[in-house]
Amino acid sequence: MKGLAWRAAGLAAWTLLVAGCAQQATEGAALPAGKKLQINQAVWSQYEEYVREGRELGPDRQGAFGVLVVGDLGLYGLSSYNYCPRMYDRCGPGRETPTSRILSACRRENVECLIFARTESILVPYEIVD
């Protein structure tokens, strides 16, 4: 949760920088057919850190990694995890998911985001640009 708060602060800073360019947040931005999401090296490094953090939690986790998108460039990464051991019902129905936490943060900041990965499964085609 501490990591999400730090990333939310970073998201707020980016919001101030790109407020004039940001579109309304959605339930996850969609890429046009055949397009790749372009991300900068900083976003890729944030994704790698998200993966490392998740592996330290072990197999009983649910995670999501979102990317703040301005135009057609992913500029900032947001991550969230739930730790879900069977002895605790922390990931049952009706609970907030990592994906919903990220998308809610984007809506609050009025920025466009998309879910780049769930746990370690990357969901969108991408290329790293700088």
Protein backbone atom coordinates (compact mmCIF):
# COMPACT_ATOMS: atom_id res chain seq x y z
CA MET A 1 0.00 0.00 0.00
CA LYS A 2 2.93 2.31 0.75
CA GLY A 3 4.21 1.83 -2.80
CA LEU A 4 0.80 2.73 -4.23
CA ALA A 5 0.75 5.97 -2.22
CA TRP A 6 4.19 6.89 -3.58
CA ARG A 7 3.11 6.15 -7.11
CA ALA A 8 -0.12 8.12 -6.62
CA ALA A 9 1.99 11.12 -5.59
CA GLY A 10 4.04 10.69 -8.78
CA LEU A 11 0.84 10.43 -10.77
CA ALA A 12 -0.39 13.68 -9.24
CA ALA A 13 2.87 15.38 -10.24
CA TRP A 14 2.53 14.13 -13.81
CA THR A 15 -1.05 15.36 -13.80
CA LEU A 16 0.13 18.88 -13.07
CA LEU A 17 2.63 18.66 -15.92
CA VAL A 18 0.23 17.31 -18.51
CA ALA A 19 -3.08 18.75 -17.32
CA GLY A 20 -3.62 20.58 -20.59
CA CYS A 21 -3.07 17.42 -22.65
CA ALA A 22 -4.77 14.72 -20.57
CA GLN A 23 -8.01 13.22 -21.75
CA GLN A 24 -10.78 11.92 -19.54
CA ALA A 25 -9.93 8.73 -17.66
CA THR A 26 -11.64 5.58 -18.90
CA GLU A 27 -11.98 2.05 -17.62
CA GLY A 28 -8.64 1.49 -19.27
CA ALA A 29 -7.56 3.15 -22.46
CA ALA A 30 -7.82 1.04 -25.58
CA LEU A 31 -5.11 0.81 -28.20
CA PRO A 32 -6.18 1.10 -31.83
CA ALA A 33 -5.99 -2.21 -33.69
CA GLY A 34 -2.46 -3.01 -34.78
CA LYS A 35 -0.87 -0.29 -32.60
CA LYS A 36 1.78 -0.80 -29.93
CA LEU A 37 1.91 1.16 -26.74
CA GLN A 38 5.08 3.19 -26.70
CA ILE A 39 6.62 3.40 -23.23
CA ASN A 40 9.74 5.17 -22.06
CA GLN A 41 12.61 3.48 -20.23
CA ALA A 42 11.36 4.84 -16.89
CA VAL A 43 8.03 3.01 -17.29
CA TRP A 44 9.85 -0.21 -18.18
CA SER A 45 12.04 0.15 -15.07
CA GLN A 46 8.89 0.71 -12.97
CA TYR A 47 7.39 -2.46 -14.47
CA GLU A 48 10.53 -4.44 -13.62
CA GLU A 49 10.38 -3.16 -10.03
CA TYR A 50 6.69 -4.12 -9.85
CA VAL A 51 7.60 -7.67 -10.97
CA ARG A 52 10.40 -7.91 -8.37
CA GLU A 53 8.08 -6.73 -5.59
CA GLY A 54 5.45 -9.24 -6.65
CA ARG A 55 7.84 -12.17 -6.69
CA GLU A 56 8.82 -11.32 -3.11
CA LEU A 57 5.16 -11.68 -2.10
CA GLY A 58 5.05 -15.23 -3.43
CA PRO A 59 2.48 -17.08 -5.49
CA ASP A 60 -0.59 -16.01 -3.44
CA ARG A 61 -0.87 -12.59 -5.03
CA GLN A 62 -2.95 -10.69 -7.52
CA GLY A 63 -1.36 -7.69 -9.17
CA ALA A 64 -1.88 -5.08 -11.81
CA PHE A 65 0.42 -2.61 -13.52
CA GLY A 66 -1.12 0.41 -15.19
CA VAL A 67 0.42 3.05 -17.42
CA LEU A 68 -0.51 6.72 -17.58
CA VAL A 69 -0.96 7.52 -21.27
CA VAL A 70 -0.64 10.96 -22.88
CA GLY A 71 -1.33 10.95 -26.59
CA ASP A 72 0.11 7.60 -27.65
CA LEU A 73 2.99 7.48 -25.16
CA GLY A 74 3.02 5.70 -21.79
CA LEU A 75 4.76 8.07 -19.39
CA TYR A 76 4.36 6.70 -15.87
CA GLY A 77 3.68 3.32 -14.26
CA LEU A 78 1.28 2.54 -11.42
CA SER A 79 1.25 -0.78 -9.61
CA SER A 80 -0.86 -2.52 -7.00
CA TYR A 81 -0.95 -5.97 -5.39
CA ASN A 82 -3.31 -7.96 -3.21
CA TYR A 83 -1.77 -10.73 -1.12
CA CYS A 84 -4.27 -13.57 -1.14
CA PRO A 85 -3.34 -16.58 1.03
CA ARG A 86 -6.19 -19.05 1.32
CA MET A 87 -6.37 -18.76 5.10
CA TYR A 88 -7.53 -15.16 4.66
CA ASP A 89 -10.42 -14.11 2.48
CA ARG A 90 -8.70 -10.90 1.32
CA CYS A 91 -9.36 -11.44 -2.37
CA GLY A 92 -12.93 -12.64 -2.26
CA PRO A 93 -15.89 -11.21 -4.15
CA GLY A 94 -16.71 -7.57 -3.53
CA ARG A 95 -13.16 -6.62 -2.58
CA GLU A 96 -11.24 -3.91 -4.38
CA THR A 97 -8.86 -5.39 -6.95
CA PRO A 98 -5.44 -4.11 -7.96
CA THR A 99 -6.91 -3.17 -11.35
CA SER A 100 -9.81 -1.22 -9.85
CA ARG A 101 -7.44 0.64 -7.47
CA ILE A 102 -5.26 1.79 -10.39
CA LEU A 103 -8.19 2.84 -12.57
CA SER A 104 -9.81 4.65 -9.63
CA ALA A 105 -6.58 6.60 -9.03
CA CYS A 106 -6.52 7.59 -12.70
CA ARG A 107 -10.15 8.74 -12.61
CA ARG A 108 -9.49 10.79 -9.45
CA GLU A 109 -6.57 12.51 -11.19
CA ASN A 110 -8.52 12.85 -14.46
CA VAL A 111 -5.86 11.14 -16.55
CA GLU A 112 -5.93 8.39 -19.18
CA CYS A 113 -4.52 5.03 -18.06
CA LEU A 114 -4.52 1.50 -19.31
CA ILE A 115 -3.77 -1.78 -17.60
CA PHE A 116 -0.44 -2.94 -19.01
CA ALA A 117 -0.15 -6.22 -17.07
CA ARG A 118 -1.97 -8.41 -14.58
CA THR A 119 0.43 -10.08 -12.18
CA GLU A 120 3.26 -10.82 -14.66
CA SER A 121 1.18 -11.24 -17.82
CA ILE A 122 1.66 -8.27 -20.16
CA LEU A 123 -1.67 -7.56 -21.85
CA VAL A 124 -0.76 -5.09 -24.58
CA PRO A 125 1.79 -4.97 -27.38
CA TYR A 126 4.46 -2.42 -26.54
CA GLU A 127 7.79 -0.98 -27.54
CA ILE A 128 10.32 0.92 -25.47
CA VAL A 129 11.21 4.34 -26.87
CA ASP A 130 13.38 7.16 -25.54
